Protein backbone atom coordinates (compact mmCIF):
# COMPACT_ATOMS: atom_id res chain seq x y z
CA UNK A 1 1.49 -25.08 2.70
CA UNK A 2 1.16 -21.36 2.03
CA UNK A 3 2.91 -20.24 -1.15
CA UNK A 4 2.04 -16.55 -1.42
CA UNK A 5 -0.13 -13.97 0.26
CA UNK A 6 -2.20 -11.68 -1.94
CA UNK A 7 -3.59 -8.35 -0.78
CA UNK A 8 -6.83 -7.52 -2.61
CA UNK A 9 -7.80 -3.85 -2.57
CA UNK A 10 -10.84 -2.05 -3.94
CA UNK A 11 -9.89 1.05 -5.94
CA UNK A 12 -11.83 3.74 -7.74
CA UNK A 13 -9.51 3.84 -10.76
CA UNK A 14 -7.13 0.87 -11.23
CA UNK A 15 -4.94 2.70 -13.77
CA UNK A 16 -4.41 5.72 -11.50
CA UNK A 17 -3.62 3.34 -8.61
CA UNK A 18 -1.11 1.46 -10.76
CA UNK A 19 0.58 4.75 -11.68
CA UNK A 20 0.69 5.71 -7.98
CA UNK A 21 2.29 2.42 -6.90
CA UNK A 22 4.72 2.41 -9.84
CA UNK A 23 6.08 5.71 -8.49
CA UNK A 24 6.70 3.97 -5.16
CA UNK A 25 8.69 1.14 -6.77
CA UNK A 26 5.98 -1.50 -7.17
CA UNK A 27 6.21 -3.48 -10.41
CA UNK A 28 3.28 -4.46 -12.59
CA UNK A 29 2.69 -8.18 -12.99
CA UNK A 30 0.81 -8.62 -16.29
CA UNK A 31 0.07 -12.30 -15.56
CA UNK A 32 -2.83 -11.32 -13.32
CA UNK A 33 -4.36 -8.15 -14.76
CA UNK A 34 -4.25 -5.17 -12.41
CA UNK A 35 -1.62 -6.74 -10.19
CA UNK A 36 1.49 -5.22 -8.61
CA UNK A 37 4.40 -6.65 -6.68
CA UNK A 38 6.99 -5.26 -4.31
CA UNK A 39 9.33 -7.84 -2.89
CA UNK A 40 7.14 -10.79 -1.95
CA UNK A 41 3.97 -8.70 -1.67
CA UNK A 42 1.35 -9.23 -4.36
CA UNK A 43 -1.34 -6.55 -4.55
CA UNK A 44 -4.45 -7.03 -6.70
CA UNK A 45 -6.36 -3.86 -7.52
CA UNK A 46 -10.06 -4.38 -8.15
CA UNK A 47 -12.53 -1.75 -9.36
CA UNK A 48 -14.85 -1.10 -6.41
CA UNK A 49 -17.96 -2.70 -8.03
CA UNK A 50 -16.01 -5.89 -8.82
CA UNK A 51 -14.57 -6.05 -5.31
CA UNK A 52 -18.00 -5.52 -3.77
CA UNK A 53 -19.61 -8.25 -5.90
CA UNK A 54 -16.80 -10.67 -5.00
CA UNK A 55 -16.96 -10.08 -1.24
CA UNK A 56 -20.74 -9.68 -1.01
CA UNK A 57 -20.06 -6.94 1.49
CA UNK A 58 -19.88 -3.15 1.61
CA UNK A 59 -16.54 -1.48 0.97
CA UNK A 60 -15.05 0.18 4.05
CA UNK A 61 -15.11 3.97 4.02
CA UNK A 62 -11.42 4.75 4.47
CA UNK A 63 -12.26 8.36 5.37
CA UNK A 64 -14.13 7.12 8.45
CA UNK A 65 -11.87 4.29 9.60
CA UNK A 66 -8.96 2.02 8.82
CA UNK A 67 -9.72 -1.45 7.49
CA UNK A 68 -6.09 -2.60 7.52
CA UNK A 69 -2.55 -1.27 7.96
CA UNK A 70 -0.16 -2.85 5.46
CA UNK A 71 3.50 -2.69 6.51
CA UNK A 72 6.47 -2.68 4.16
CA UNK A 73 9.86 -3.40 5.69
CA UNK A 74 12.62 -0.96 4.73
CA UNK A 75 16.33 -1.75 4.66
CA UNK A 76 17.30 1.52 6.38
CA UNK A 77 15.96 4.86 7.61
CA UNK A 78 16.72 6.53 4.31
CA UNK A 79 14.47 4.06 2.50
CA UNK A 80 11.62 4.92 4.88
CA UNK A 81 12.06 8.63 4.16
CA UNK A 82 12.31 8.01 0.40
CA UNK A 83 9.16 5.85 0.21
CA UNK A 84 7.08 8.36 2.17
CA UNK A 85 8.36 11.24 0.04
CA UNK A 86 7.51 9.33 -3.14
CA UNK A 87 4.03 8.53 -1.81
CA UNK A 88 3.32 12.18 -1.10
CA UNK A 89 4.63 13.32 -4.50
CA UNK A 90 2.46 10.66 -6.19
CA UNK A 91 -0.69 12.03 -4.54
CA UNK A 92 -0.82 10.02 -1.31
CA UNK A 93 -1.38 11.49 2.14
CA UNK A 94 1.11 11.21 4.99
CA UNK A 95 -0.67 10.28 8.23
CA UNK A 96 2.49 9.61 10.27
CA UNK A 97 5.72 11.46 9.52
CA UNK A 98 9.00 9.52 9.90
CA UNK A 99 9.74 8.99 13.58
CA UNK A 100 11.50 6.70 16.05
CA UNK A 101 9.70 4.10 18.20
CA UNK A 102 12.38 2.41 20.30
CA UNK A 103 14.56 0.46 17.86
CA UNK A 104 12.11 1.04 14.99
CA UNK A 105 11.93 3.93 12.54
CA UNK A 106 8.81 4.31 10.48
CA UNK A 107 6.20 6.43 8.79
CA UNK A 108 2.75 5.99 7.32
CA UNK A 109 0.86 7.09 4.22
CA UNK A 110 -2.53 6.57 2.63
CA UNK A 111 -2.78 5.68 -1.05
CA UNK A 112 -5.20 7.31 -3.51
CA UNK A 113 -8.12 5.26 -2.14
CA UNK A 114 -7.29 5.80 1.54
CA UNK A 115 -5.72 2.39 2.21
CA UNK A 116 -3.07 2.83 4.89
CA UNK A 117 0.53 1.73 4.44
CA UNK A 118 3.32 1.73 7.01
CA UNK A 119 7.01 1.77 6.05
CA UNK A 120 9.18 0.40 8.84
CA UNK A 121 12.89 -0.06 9.47
CA UNK A 122 13.76 -2.23 12.45
CA UNK A 123 17.23 -1.27 13.66
CA UNK A 124 19.63 -3.50 15.48
């Protein structure tokens, strides 16, 4: 039975990435080194050489393409707006401004290493 899902991301500078995600409301989890949590999401940040040696594969060039879109559920529209604003202030890049898609309201940003995150509120 699945207990938890971990997202493992290659980063250029783990400390700068931790600072970025702390500004978005992620909490550090010292049990696992460079590990962050938000809700039930666990994100491990690996220096790029370590990540590459673990996967035995090249690291995706996030300037050329998207390797994954990680979605965070928001409780309301205001939380979407707030998260995207925090991401931009922390040095991230907004690739999709807050907008409505049917009953959903969302926005997207890239972190310091170009990994793409979506913040989504699903209305009733």
